Amino acid sequence: MFTDGSRLDDGATGHAVVWKNGQTWEVIKVHMGYIQEAYDAECAAIARALDSVTRGYVPERVTIFTDAQAAIKRMASENPAQGSSTPSGRGNTSPHCVGPGQVSPPRSGDARLTRA
């Protein structure tokens, strides 16, 4: 599975999760609105990928590829400040980046599952 989240210059945030299912590529795309940071989108992408696995949408054993090192550090730590600060200066407090043993289903945006 591949994940990515981003924030555009106009403030729009979103994320995507992509994986191959046999010969077909499955894609989940989510527009998250205009009030979040890129960090939130990265965390939401990882949370969406984990949620997809726990709900049985993909095989039980997967590898998730992401470039969001701060999000991974936060999810692996009991310390909510672990990782780096977001541009807003509020620290890594995204509701999507939960601690170890927890999977938080993404709460915002319109998820669309498509086949490519």
Protein backbone atom coordinates (compact mmCIF):
# COMPACT_ATOMS: atom_id res chain seq x y z
CA MET A 1 0.00 0.00 0.00
CA PHE A 2 1.16 3.51 -0.78
CA THR A 3 -0.06 6.56 1.15
CA ASP A 4 0.34 10.28 0.65
CA GLY A 5 -1.22 13.44 1.98
CA SER A 6 -0.79 17.03 0.92
CA ARG A 7 -1.90 20.61 1.28
CA LEU A 8 -2.20 22.90 -1.74
CA ASP A 9 -1.31 26.59 -1.85
CA ASP A 10 -5.01 27.46 -1.56
CA GLY A 11 -5.19 25.48 1.72
CA ALA A 12 -7.05 22.44 0.39
CA THR A 13 -5.89 19.19 2.00
CA GLY A 14 -6.40 15.62 0.98
CA HIS A 15 -4.91 12.17 0.98
CA ALA A 16 -4.83 8.98 -1.03
CA VAL A 17 -4.19 5.30 -0.40
CA VAL A 18 -3.30 3.03 -3.32
CA TRP A 19 -2.73 -0.73 -3.48
CA LYS A 20 -2.70 -3.49 -6.07
CA ASN A 21 -5.44 -6.12 -5.88
CA GLY A 22 -4.44 -8.80 -8.37
CA GLN A 23 -4.19 -6.98 -11.70
CA THR A 24 -6.23 -3.99 -10.52
CA TRP A 25 -5.06 -0.89 -8.67
CA GLU A 26 -7.44 0.17 -5.87
CA VAL A 27 -7.49 3.85 -4.92
CA ILE A 28 -9.05 5.72 -2.00
CA LYS A 29 -9.01 9.50 -2.48
CA VAL A 30 -10.21 11.92 0.20
CA HIS A 31 -10.65 15.70 0.10
CA MET A 32 -10.30 16.88 3.72
CA GLY A 33 -11.31 20.52 3.38
CA TYR A 34 -9.37 23.72 3.96
CA ILE A 35 -8.63 23.91 7.69
CA GLN A 36 -5.96 21.24 8.15
CA GLU A 37 -2.22 20.92 7.65
CA ALA A 38 -0.27 18.58 5.36
CA TYR A 39 0.70 16.66 8.52
CA ASP A 40 -3.00 15.97 9.18
CA ALA A 41 -3.40 14.65 5.63
CA GLU A 42 -0.33 12.40 5.98
CA CYS A 43 -1.66 11.02 9.27
CA ALA A 44 -5.13 10.51 7.81
CA ALA A 45 -3.66 8.61 4.85
CA ILE A 46 -1.82 6.19 7.15
CA ALA A 47 -4.90 5.84 9.38
CA ARG A 48 -7.06 5.14 6.31
CA ALA A 49 -4.60 2.46 5.15
CA LEU A 50 -4.60 0.80 8.59
CA ASP A 51 -8.38 1.05 8.74
CA SER A 52 -8.67 -0.60 5.30
CA VAL A 53 -6.60 -3.53 6.56
CA THR A 54 -8.58 -3.93 9.80
CA ARG A 55 -11.89 -3.85 7.89
CA GLY A 56 -10.68 -6.57 5.53
CA TYR A 57 -10.63 -4.46 2.36
CA VAL A 58 -7.08 -5.63 1.67
CA PRO A 59 -5.09 -8.72 2.65
CA GLU A 60 -4.26 -9.03 6.34
CA ARG A 61 -0.54 -8.67 5.78
CA VAL A 62 0.55 -5.57 3.92
CA THR A 63 3.48 -3.18 3.77
CA ILE A 64 2.59 0.50 3.93
CA PHE A 65 4.91 2.86 2.08
CA THR A 66 4.83 6.51 3.18
CA ASP A 67 7.12 9.52 3.25
CA ALA A 68 5.58 10.86 6.47
CA GLN A 69 8.37 10.19 8.99
CA ALA A 70 6.92 12.53 11.65
CA ALA A 71 3.57 10.73 11.46
CA ILE A 72 5.24 7.34 11.83
CA LYS A 73 7.24 8.58 14.84
CA ARG A 74 4.05 9.90 16.44
CA MET A 75 2.10 6.70 15.86
CA ALA A 76 4.95 4.62 17.30
CA SER A 77 5.32 6.79 20.42
CA GLU A 78 3.30 7.16 23.60
CA ASN A 79 4.38 10.83 23.65
CA PRO A 80 1.90 13.03 21.72
CA ALA A 81 4.68 15.58 21.01
CA GLN A 82 6.93 12.98 19.32
CA GLY A 83 7.93 13.88 15.76
CA SER A 84 8.31 17.39 14.44
CA SER A 85 6.09 20.45 14.74
CA THR A 86 3.62 21.37 12.06
CA PRO A 87 3.91 24.71 10.23
CA SER A 88 1.09 26.08 12.38
CA GLY A 89 3.27 25.52 15.45
CA ARG A 90 0.61 23.45 17.21
CA GLY A 91 2.79 20.33 17.35
CA ASN A 92 1.81 16.88 16.19
CA THR A 93 -1.66 16.76 17.68
CA SER A 94 -3.61 15.53 14.65
CA PRO A 95 -6.60 13.39 15.65
CA HIS A 96 -5.55 11.04 12.85
CA CYS A 97 -2.12 10.29 14.39
CA VAL A 98 -2.99 8.03 17.29
CA GLY A 99 -0.62 6.17 19.57
CA PRO A 100 0.46 2.54 19.46
CA GLY A 101 -2.25 -0.10 19.31
CA GLN A 102 -4.95 2.31 18.17
CA VAL A 103 -6.39 2.78 14.72
CA SER A 104 -8.45 5.91 14.28
CA PRO A 105 -10.72 5.76 11.24
CA PRO A 106 -10.53 9.03 9.33
CA ARG A 107 -13.49 11.23 10.24
CA SER A 108 -13.53 13.89 7.59
CA GLY A 109 -13.73 14.06 3.83
CA ASP A 110 -15.50 12.12 1.17
CA ALA A 111 -13.69 8.84 0.57
CA ARG A 112 -13.96 7.37 -2.90
CA LEU A 113 -12.75 3.88 -3.74
CA THR A 114 -11.93 3.60 -7.42
CA ARG A 115 -10.21 1.06 -9.62
CA ALA A 116 -7.47 2.25 -11.96
